[in-house]
Amino acid sequence: MHIPDGFIDAATSAGAGAVTVAGLGVAAKRAAVELDDRAAPLAGLTAAFIFAVQMLNFPVAAGTSGHLIGGVLAAVLVGPWAAAICLAVVLVVQALFADGGLSALGLNILNMGLVGGMGGYLVFATVRAVLPKTRAGVLAATAVAAWSSVVLASAAFALEYAIGGTVDLSLRQVIGAMVGVHALIGIGEAVGLAAGERAHEDREGDGDRQAGEHEDRGALHDASSAGRSSRVAARWRAP
């Protein structure tokens, strides 16, 4: 999925870069409003996790690579606007270590951070609105969105290649290599993300039950203390 330097011509790269800068500017403003003190550290942890996940690369064609994106996971955890910023930070760091070209940085952020991440979250919200409001419905929406995000990002790359590709590969070859391979990678991302979402819900449920048990024990302790105080007061009042 990471586009190397020289794979897309300069004009197309510059146009994608301009769109990316505008998109990230909007995302930064919206994320600053939506993120609170509790969610901000989670955004940092999410970015670190995505960085680790995207290190698992699969060679595709002519120097490009395919991998899990994690955009929907980030969007579900911290919101789509903050997720776009998380992915942009990850991709900038990766580009500094030659994982994706610096001149193609705008293309990569556009494809994975904006089209993949935010597009995937739009799919998640749409599917979730249609399906029953149950745990199974949420997990199904998460899986569909995760798969869609990977395919959307690879389709965006194919479109960019059609506009300004510079290597000796036919558009049919690129679509087959990128969209076809990423349709399979998307299945892995869908399964992994659905499993992660289920585990997250289980942990939240355990936390809620523990909090409820703690509150119940506290109430029993208060009631017991009140009972003892009443008995002591009654003995003091007795003649």
C-alpha atoms as a PDB file:
ATOM      1  CA  MET A   1       0.000   0.000   0.000  1.00  0.00           C
ATOM      2  CA  HIS A   2       2.922   2.366   0.618  1.00  0.00           C
ATOM      3  CA  ILE A   3       3.701   4.151  -2.637  1.00  0.00           C
ATOM      4  CA  PRO A   4       7.436   4.655  -3.277  1.00  0.00           C
ATOM      5  CA  ASP A   5       9.047   7.749  -4.773  1.00  0.00           C
ATOM      6  CA  GLY A   6       8.624   8.034  -8.524  1.00  0.00           C
ATOM      7  CA  PHE A   7       5.715   5.597  -8.842  1.00  0.00           C
ATOM      8  CA  ILE A   8       3.220   8.459  -9.416  1.00  0.00           C
ATOM      9  CA  ASP A   9       4.191  11.605 -11.345  1.00  0.00           C
ATOM     10  CA  ALA A  10       4.933  14.909  -9.639  1.00  0.00           C
ATOM     11  CA  ALA A  11       1.724  16.678 -10.699  1.00  0.00           C
ATOM     12  CA  THR A  12      -0.534  13.957  -9.328  1.00  0.00           C
ATOM     13  CA  SER A  13       1.544  13.705  -6.145  1.00  0.00           C
ATOM     14  CA  ALA A  14       1.329  17.470  -5.624  1.00  0.00           C
ATOM     15  CA  GLY A  15      -2.437  17.478  -6.177  1.00  0.00           C
ATOM     16  CA  ALA A  16      -2.892  14.638  -3.694  1.00  0.00           C
ATOM     17  CA  GLY A  17      -0.639  16.479  -1.258  1.00  0.00           C
ATOM     18  CA  ALA A  18      -2.799  19.596  -1.438  1.00  0.00           C
ATOM     19  CA  VAL A  19      -5.955  17.577  -0.788  1.00  0.00           C
ATOM     20  CA  THR A  20      -4.239  15.818   2.111  1.00  0.00           C
ATOM     21  CA  VAL A  21      -3.101  19.065   3.755  1.00  0.00           C
ATOM     22  CA  ALA A  22      -6.622  20.476   3.523  1.00  0.00           C
ATOM     23  CA  GLY A  23      -8.141  17.266   4.880  1.00  0.00           C
ATOM     24  CA  LEU A  24      -5.733  17.067   7.795  1.00  0.00           C
ATOM     25  CA  GLY A  25      -6.354  20.717   8.617  1.00  0.00           C
ATOM     26  CA  VAL A  26     -10.071  20.029   8.990  1.00  0.00           C
ATOM     27  CA  ALA A  27      -9.359  16.815  10.914  1.00  0.00           C
ATOM     28  CA  ALA A  28      -7.027  18.610  13.343  1.00  0.00           C
ATOM     29  CA  LYS A  29      -9.642  21.264  14.139  1.00  0.00           C
ATOM     30  CA  ARG A  30     -12.390  18.714  14.658  1.00  0.00           C
ATOM     31  CA  ALA A  31     -10.174  16.409  16.707  1.00  0.00           C
ATOM     32  CA  ALA A  32      -9.126  19.282  18.983  1.00  0.00           C
ATOM     33  CA  VAL A  33     -12.799  19.860  19.802  1.00  0.00           C
ATOM     34  CA  GLU A  34     -13.768  16.205  20.220  1.00  0.00           C
ATOM     35  CA  LEU A  35     -10.759  14.810  22.116  1.00  0.00           C
ATOM     36  CA  ASP A  36     -10.820  15.234  25.886  1.00  0.00           C
ATOM     37  CA  ASP A  37      -8.082  14.584  28.448  1.00  0.00           C
ATOM     38  CA  ARG A  38      -9.069  10.938  28.687  1.00  0.00           C
ATOM     39  CA  ALA A  39      -9.131  10.254  24.935  1.00  0.00           C
ATOM     40  CA  ALA A  40      -5.874  12.030  24.049  1.00  0.00           C
ATOM     41  CA  PRO A  41      -3.577   9.351  25.562  1.00  0.00           C
ATOM     42  CA  LEU A  42      -5.678   6.695  23.833  1.00  0.00           C
ATOM     43  CA  ALA A  43      -4.973   8.386  20.496  1.00  0.00           C
ATOM     44  CA  GLY A  44      -1.245   8.085  21.163  1.00  0.00           C
ATOM     45  CA  LEU A  45      -1.554   4.404  22.044  1.00  0.00           C
ATOM     46  CA  THR A  46      -3.666   3.847  18.939  1.00  0.00           C
ATOM     47  CA  ALA A  47      -1.016   5.426  16.715  1.00  0.00           C
ATOM     48  CA  ALA A  48       1.674   3.225  18.277  1.00  0.00           C
ATOM     49  CA  PHE A  49      -0.425   0.106  17.719  1.00  0.00           C
ATOM     50  CA  ILE A  50      -1.101   1.005  14.082  1.00  0.00           C
ATOM     51  CA  PHE A  51       2.613   1.593  13.538  1.00  0.00           C
ATOM     52  CA  ALA A  52       3.319  -1.933  14.782  1.00  0.00           C
ATOM     53  CA  VAL A  53       0.518  -3.499  12.732  1.00  0.00           C
ATOM     54  CA  GLN A  54       1.618  -1.811   9.510  1.00  0.00           C
ATOM     55  CA  MET A  55       5.100  -3.263   9.847  1.00  0.00           C
ATOM     56  CA  LEU A  56       3.625  -6.559   8.586  1.00  0.00           C
ATOM     57  CA  ASN A  57       4.059  -5.927   4.851  1.00  0.00           C
ATOM     58  CA  PHE A  58       3.174  -8.148   1.900  1.00  0.00           C
ATOM     59  CA  PRO A  59       4.983  -7.424  -1.425  1.00  0.00           C
ATOM     60  CA  VAL A  60       2.526  -6.644  -4.222  1.00  0.00           C
ATOM     61  CA  ALA A  61       4.032  -5.171  -7.407  1.00  0.00           C
ATOM     62  CA  ALA A  62       6.906  -2.967  -8.602  1.00  0.00           C
ATOM     63  CA  GLY A  63       8.035  -1.899  -5.146  1.00  0.00           C
ATOM     64  CA  THR A  64       4.583  -1.360  -3.647  1.00  0.00           C
ATOM     65  CA  SER A  65       3.411  -3.308  -0.624  1.00  0.00           C
ATOM     66  CA  GLY A  66       0.202  -4.412   1.014  1.00  0.00           C
ATOM     67  CA  HIS A  67      -0.556  -4.565   4.738  1.00  0.00           C
ATOM     68  CA  LEU A  68      -3.216  -4.080   7.358  1.00  0.00           C
ATOM     69  CA  ILE A  69      -4.218  -0.427   7.779  1.00  0.00           C
ATOM     70  CA  GLY A  70      -5.963  -0.148  11.147  1.00  0.00           C
ATOM     71  CA  GLY A  71      -7.862   2.989  10.161  1.00  0.00           C
ATOM     72  CA  VAL A  72     -11.287   1.718  11.208  1.00  0.00           C
ATOM     73  CA  LEU A  73      -9.894   0.513  14.532  1.00  0.00           C
ATOM     74  CA  ALA A  74      -8.529   3.996  15.189  1.00  0.00           C
ATOM     75  CA  ALA A  75     -11.779   5.644  14.098  1.00  0.00           C
ATOM     76  CA  VAL A  76     -13.886   3.431  16.357  1.00  0.00           C
ATOM     77  CA  LEU A  77     -11.594   4.069  19.333  1.00  0.00           C
ATOM     78  CA  VAL A  78     -10.920   7.803  19.056  1.00  0.00           C
ATOM     79  CA  GLY A  79     -13.252   9.059  16.298  1.00  0.00           C
ATOM     80  CA  PRO A  80     -12.614   9.507  12.566  1.00  0.00           C
ATOM     81  CA  TRP A  81     -10.984  12.931  12.827  1.00  0.00           C
ATOM     82  CA  ALA A  82      -8.407  11.919  15.414  1.00  0.00           C
ATOM     83  CA  ALA A  83      -7.891   8.635  13.543  1.00  0.00           C
ATOM     84  CA  ALA A  84      -6.833  10.554  10.426  1.00  0.00           C
ATOM     85  CA  ILE A  85      -4.228  12.427  12.485  1.00  0.00           C
ATOM     86  CA  CYS A  86      -2.989   9.166  14.047  1.00  0.00           C
ATOM     87  CA  LEU A  87      -2.531   7.567  10.641  1.00  0.00           C
ATOM     88  CA  ALA A  88      -0.803  10.672   9.270  1.00  0.00           C
ATOM     89  CA  VAL A  89       1.706  10.637  12.137  1.00  0.00           C
ATOM     90  CA  VAL A  90       2.384   6.931  11.577  1.00  0.00           C
ATOM     91  CA  LEU A  91       2.903   7.417   7.842  1.00  0.00           C
ATOM     92  CA  VAL A  92       5.252  10.379   8.339  1.00  0.00           C
ATOM     93  CA  VAL A  93       7.442   8.329  10.698  1.00  0.00           C
ATOM     94  CA  GLN A  94       7.396   5.393   8.278  1.00  0.00           C
ATOM     95  CA  ALA A  95       8.406   7.633   5.369  1.00  0.00           C
ATOM     96  CA  LEU A  96      11.421   8.833   7.344  1.00  0.00           C
ATOM     97  CA  PHE A  97      12.540   5.194   7.480  1.00  0.00           C
ATOM     98  CA  ALA A  98      11.978   4.662   3.740  1.00  0.00           C
ATOM     99  CA  ASP A  99       8.658   2.840   4.137  1.00  0.00           C
ATOM    100  CA  GLY A 100       6.880   4.829   1.438  1.00  0.00           C
ATOM    101  CA  GLY A 101       8.422   7.721  -0.462  1.00  0.00           C
ATOM    102  CA  LEU A 102       8.672  11.239   0.932  1.00  0.00           C
ATOM    103  CA  SER A 103       7.411  12.666  -2.362  1.00  0.00           C
ATOM    104  CA  ALA A 104       4.471  10.229  -2.156  1.00  0.00           C
ATOM    105  CA  LEU A 105       3.653  11.060   1.456  1.00  0.00           C
ATOM    106  CA  GLY A 106       0.570  13.057   0.495  1.00  0.00           C
ATOM    107  CA  LEU A 107      -0.656  10.150  -1.628  1.00  0.00           C
ATOM    108  CA  ASN A 108      -0.150   7.623   1.165  1.00  0.00           C
ATOM    109  CA  ILE A 109      -1.873   9.750   3.802  1.00  0.00           C
ATOM    110  CA  LEU A 110      -4.736  10.454   1.412  1.00  0.00           C
ATOM    111  CA  ASN A 111      -5.216   6.778   0.604  1.00  0.00           C
ATOM    112  CA  MET A 112      -4.835   5.250   4.038  1.00  0.00           C
ATOM    113  CA  GLY A 113      -5.646   8.064   6.432  1.00  0.00           C
ATOM    114  CA  LEU A 114      -8.458   9.892   4.674  1.00  0.00           C
ATOM    115  CA  VAL A 115      -9.980   7.528   2.114  1.00  0.00           C
ATOM    116  CA  GLY A 116      -9.302   4.317   4.023  1.00  0.00           C
ATOM    117  CA  GLY A 117      -9.757   5.487   7.602  1.00  0.00           C
ATOM    118  CA  MET A 118     -12.575   8.004   7.252  1.00  0.00           C
ATOM    119  CA  GLY A 119     -14.232   6.149   4.388  1.00  0.00           C
ATOM    120  CA  GLY A 120     -14.159   2.971   6.440  1.00  0.00           C
ATOM    121  CA  TYR A 121     -15.713   4.758   9.405  1.00  0.00           C
ATOM    122  CA  LEU A 122     -18.488   6.069   7.146  1.00  0.00           C
ATOM    123  CA  VAL A 123     -19.182   2.478   6.103  1.00  0.00           C
ATOM    124  CA  PHE A 124     -19.169   1.460   9.788  1.00  0.00           C
ATOM    125  CA  ALA A 125     -21.687   4.148  10.727  1.00  0.00           C
ATOM    126  CA  THR A 126     -23.923   3.314   7.758  1.00  0.00           C
ATOM    127  CA  VAL A 127     -23.941  -0.438   8.321  1.00  0.00           C
ATOM    128  CA  ARG A 128     -24.413  -0.019  12.063  1.00  0.00           C
ATOM    129  CA  ALA A 129     -27.467   2.163  11.442  1.00  0.00           C
ATOM    130  CA  VAL A 130     -29.017  -0.553   9.265  1.00  0.00           C
ATOM    131  CA  LEU A 131     -28.230  -3.606  11.382  1.00  0.00           C
ATOM    132  CA  PRO A 132     -29.908  -4.412  14.712  1.00  0.00           C
ATOM    133  CA  LYS A 133     -28.521  -2.538  17.704  1.00  0.00           C
ATOM    134  CA  THR A 134     -26.972  -5.650  19.174  1.00  0.00           C
ATOM    135  CA  ARG A 135     -23.459  -6.818  19.913  1.00  0.00           C
ATOM    136  CA  ALA A 136     -23.520  -9.021  16.823  1.00  0.00           C
ATOM    137  CA  GLY A 137     -24.639  -6.025  14.741  1.00  0.00           C
ATOM    138  CA  VAL A 138     -21.737  -3.905  15.975  1.00  0.00           C
ATOM    139  CA  LEU A 139     -19.234  -6.678  15.279  1.00  0.00           C
ATOM    140  CA  ALA A 140     -20.641  -7.214  11.779  1.00  0.00           C
ATOM    141  CA  ALA A 141     -20.483  -3.481  11.033  1.00  0.00           C
ATOM    142  CA  THR A 142     -16.894  -3.384  12.280  1.00  0.00           C
ATOM    143  CA  ALA A 143     -15.873  -6.296  10.047  1.00  0.00           C
ATOM    144  CA  VAL A 144     -17.549  -4.870   6.927  1.00  0.00           C
ATOM    145  CA  ALA A 145     -15.995  -1.448   7.549  1.00  0.00           C
ATOM    146  CA  ALA A 146     -12.516  -2.892   8.111  1.00  0.00           C
ATOM    147  CA  TRP A 147     -12.645  -4.824   4.840  1.00  0.00           C
ATOM    148  CA  SER A 148     -14.067  -1.820   2.983  1.00  0.00           C
ATOM    149  CA  SER A 149     -11.365   0.524   4.287  1.00  0.00           C
ATOM    150  CA  VAL A 150      -8.579  -1.622   2.831  1.00  0.00           C
ATOM    151  CA  VAL A 151     -10.321  -1.987  -0.536  1.00  0.00           C
ATOM    152  CA  LEU A 152     -11.162   1.736  -0.681  1.00  0.00           C
ATOM    153  CA  ALA A 153      -7.537   2.696  -0.029  1.00  0.00           C
ATOM    154  CA  SER A 154      -6.261   0.314  -2.709  1.00  0.00           C
ATOM    155  CA  ALA A 155      -8.891   1.563  -5.165  1.00  0.00           C
ATOM    156  CA  ALA A 156      -7.765   5.140  -4.517  1.00  0.00           C
ATOM    157  CA  PHE A 157      -4.216   4.088  -5.353  1.00  0.00           C
ATOM    158  CA  ALA A 158      -5.403   2.479  -8.598  1.00  0.00           C
ATOM    159  CA  LEU A 159      -7.171   5.721  -9.544  1.00  0.00           C
ATOM    160  CA  GLU A 160      -4.038   7.751  -8.842  1.00  0.00           C
ATOM    161  CA  TYR A 161      -2.004   5.344 -10.942  1.00  0.00           C
ATOM    162  CA  ALA A 162      -4.483   5.708 -13.793  1.00  0.00           C
ATOM    163  CA  ILE A 163      -4.010   9.486 -13.625  1.00  0.00           C
ATOM    164  CA  GLY A 164      -0.246   9.719 -13.164  1.00  0.00           C
ATOM    165  CA  GLY A 165       1.426   6.322 -13.073  1.00  0.00           C
ATOM    166  CA  THR A 166       5.016   6.292 -14.301  1.00  0.00           C
ATOM    167  CA  VAL A 167       6.068   2.624 -14.336  1.00  0.00           C
ATOM    168  CA  ASP A 168       5.627   0.104 -17.122  1.00  0.00           C
ATOM    169  CA  LEU A 169       2.564  -1.677 -15.775  1.00  0.00           C
ATOM    170  CA  SER A 170      -0.898  -1.731 -17.288  1.00  0.00           C
ATOM    171  CA  LEU A 171      -3.788  -0.378 -15.262  1.00  0.00           C
ATOM    172  CA  ARG A 172      -5.349  -3.838 -15.312  1.00  0.00           C
ATOM    173  CA  GLN A 173      -2.214  -5.305 -13.731  1.00  0.00           C
ATOM    174  CA  VAL A 174      -2.175  -2.643 -11.030  1.00  0.00           C
ATOM    175  CA  ILE A 175      -5.861  -3.061 -10.206  1.00  0.00           C
ATOM    176  CA  GLY A 176      -5.468  -6.819 -10.077  1.00  0.00           C
ATOM    177  CA  ALA A 177      -2.381  -6.612  -7.887  1.00  0.00           C
ATOM    178  CA  MET A 178      -3.531  -3.894  -5.501  1.00  0.00           C
ATOM    179  CA  VAL A 179      -7.311  -4.204  -5.244  1.00  0.00           C
ATOM    180  CA  GLY A 180      -7.315  -7.985  -5.646  1.00  0.00           C
ATOM    181  CA  VAL A 181      -4.608  -8.629  -3.062  1.00  0.00           C
ATOM    182  CA  HIS A 182      -6.042  -6.070  -0.656  1.00  0.00           C
ATOM    183  CA  ALA A 183      -9.492  -7.621  -0.899  1.00  0.00           C
ATOM    184  CA  LEU A 184      -7.883 -10.690   0.664  1.00  0.00           C
ATOM    185  CA  ILE A 185      -5.866  -8.642   3.154  1.00  0.00           C
ATOM    186  CA  GLY A 186      -9.106  -6.873   4.063  1.00  0.00           C
ATOM    187  CA  ILE A 187     -10.591 -10.184   5.176  1.00  0.00           C
ATOM    188  CA  GLY A 188      -7.740 -10.571   7.641  1.00  0.00           C
ATOM    189  CA  GLU A 189      -8.228  -7.033   8.872  1.00  0.00           C
ATOM    190  CA  ALA A 190     -11.976  -7.583   9.223  1.00  0.00           C
ATOM    191  CA  VAL A 191     -11.522 -10.751  11.273  1.00  0.00           C
ATOM    192  CA  GLY A 192      -8.803  -9.226  13.429  1.00  0.00           C
ATOM    193  CA  LEU A 193     -10.666  -6.006  14.084  1.00  0.00           C
ATOM    194  CA  ALA A 194     -13.933  -7.772  14.891  1.00  0.00           C
ATOM    195  CA  ALA A 195     -12.079 -10.005  17.341  1.00  0.00           C
ATOM    196  CA  GLY A 196     -10.384  -6.975  18.881  1.00  0.00           C
ATOM    197  CA  GLU A 197     -13.685  -5.139  19.205  1.00  0.00           C
ATOM    198  CA  ARG A 198     -15.258  -8.150  20.890  1.00  0.00           C
ATOM    199  CA  ALA A 199     -12.359  -8.410  23.347  1.00  0.00           C
ATOM    200  CA  HIS A 200     -12.642  -4.669  24.053  1.00  0.00           C
ATOM    201  CA  GLU A 201     -16.353  -5.028  24.797  1.00  0.00           C
ATOM    202  CA  ASP A 202     -15.663  -8.015  27.055  1.00  0.00           C
ATOM    203  CA  ARG A 203     -13.115  -6.006  29.036  1.00  0.00           C
ATOM    204  CA  GLU A 204     -15.547  -3.111  29.372  1.00  0.00           C
ATOM    205  CA  GLY A 205     -18.253  -5.498  30.521  1.00  0.00           C
ATOM    206  CA  ASP A 206     -15.923  -7.015  33.116  1.00  0.00           C
ATOM    207  CA  GLY A 207     -14.997  -3.537  34.292  1.00  0.00           C
ATOM    208  CA  ASP A 208     -18.659  -2.546  34.624  1.00  0.00           C
ATOM    209  CA  ARG A 209     -19.437  -5.716  36.593  1.00  0.00           C
ATOM    210  CA  GLN A 210     -16.475  -5.144  38.902  1.00  0.00           C
ATOM    211  CA  ALA A 211     -17.573  -1.546  39.444  1.00  0.00           C
ATOM    212  CA  GLY A 212     -21.095  -2.745  40.214  1.00  0.00           C
ATOM    213  CA  GLU A 213     -19.804  -5.329  42.660  1.00  0.00           C
ATOM    214  CA  HIS A 214     -17.639  -2.670  44.314  1.00  0.00           C
ATOM    215  CA  GLU A 215     -20.649  -0.366  44.645  1.00  0.00           C
ATOM    216  CA  ASP A 216     -22.738  -3.200  46.085  1.00  0.00           C
ATOM    217  CA  ARG A 217     -20.043  -4.019  48.630  1.00  0.00           C
ATOM    218  CA  GLY A 218     -19.810  -0.350  49.503  1.00  0.00           C
ATOM    219  CA  ALA A 219     -23.563  -0.116  50.010  1.00  0.00           C
ATOM    220  CA  LEU A 220     -23.544  -3.219  52.217  1.00  0.00           C
ATOM    221  CA  HIS A 221     -20.639  -1.770  54.201  1.00  0.00           C
ATOM    222  CA  ASP A 222     -22.499   1.527  54.654  1.00  0.00           C
ATOM    223  CA  ALA A 223     -25.655  -0.293  55.703  1.00  0.00           C
ATOM    224  CA  SER A 224     -23.719  -2.462  58.132  1.00  0.00           C
ATOM    225  CA  SER A 225     -21.950   0.594  59.581  1.00  0.00           C
ATOM    226  CA  ALA A 226     -25.257   2.394  59.955  1.00  0.00           C
ATOM    227  CA  GLY A 227     -26.702  -0.637  61.748  1.00  0.00           C
ATOM    228  CA  ARG A 228     -23.818  -0.796  64.182  1.00  0.00           C
ATOM    229  CA  SER A 229     -24.085   2.946  64.855  1.00  0.00           C
ATOM    230  CA  SER A 230     -27.802   2.600  65.586  1.00  0.00           C
ATOM    231  CA  ARG A 231     -27.202  -0.253  68.037  1.00  0.00           C
ATOM    232  CA  VAL A 232     -24.470   1.713  69.832  1.00  0.00           C
ATOM    233  CA  ALA A 233     -26.711   4.772  70.068  1.00  0.00           C
ATOM    234  CA  ALA A 234     -29.554   2.624  71.429  1.00  0.00           C
ATOM    235  CA  ARG A 235     -27.296   1.218  74.166  1.00  0.00           C
ATOM    236  CA  TRP A 236     -26.235   4.756  75.181  1.00  0.00           C
ATOM    237  CA  ARG A 237     -29.875   5.816  75.396  1.00  0.00           C
ATOM    238  CA  ALA A 238     -30.905   2.748  77.422  1.00  0.00           C
ATOM    239  CA  PRO A 239     -31.386   3.469  81.209  1.00  0.00           C
END
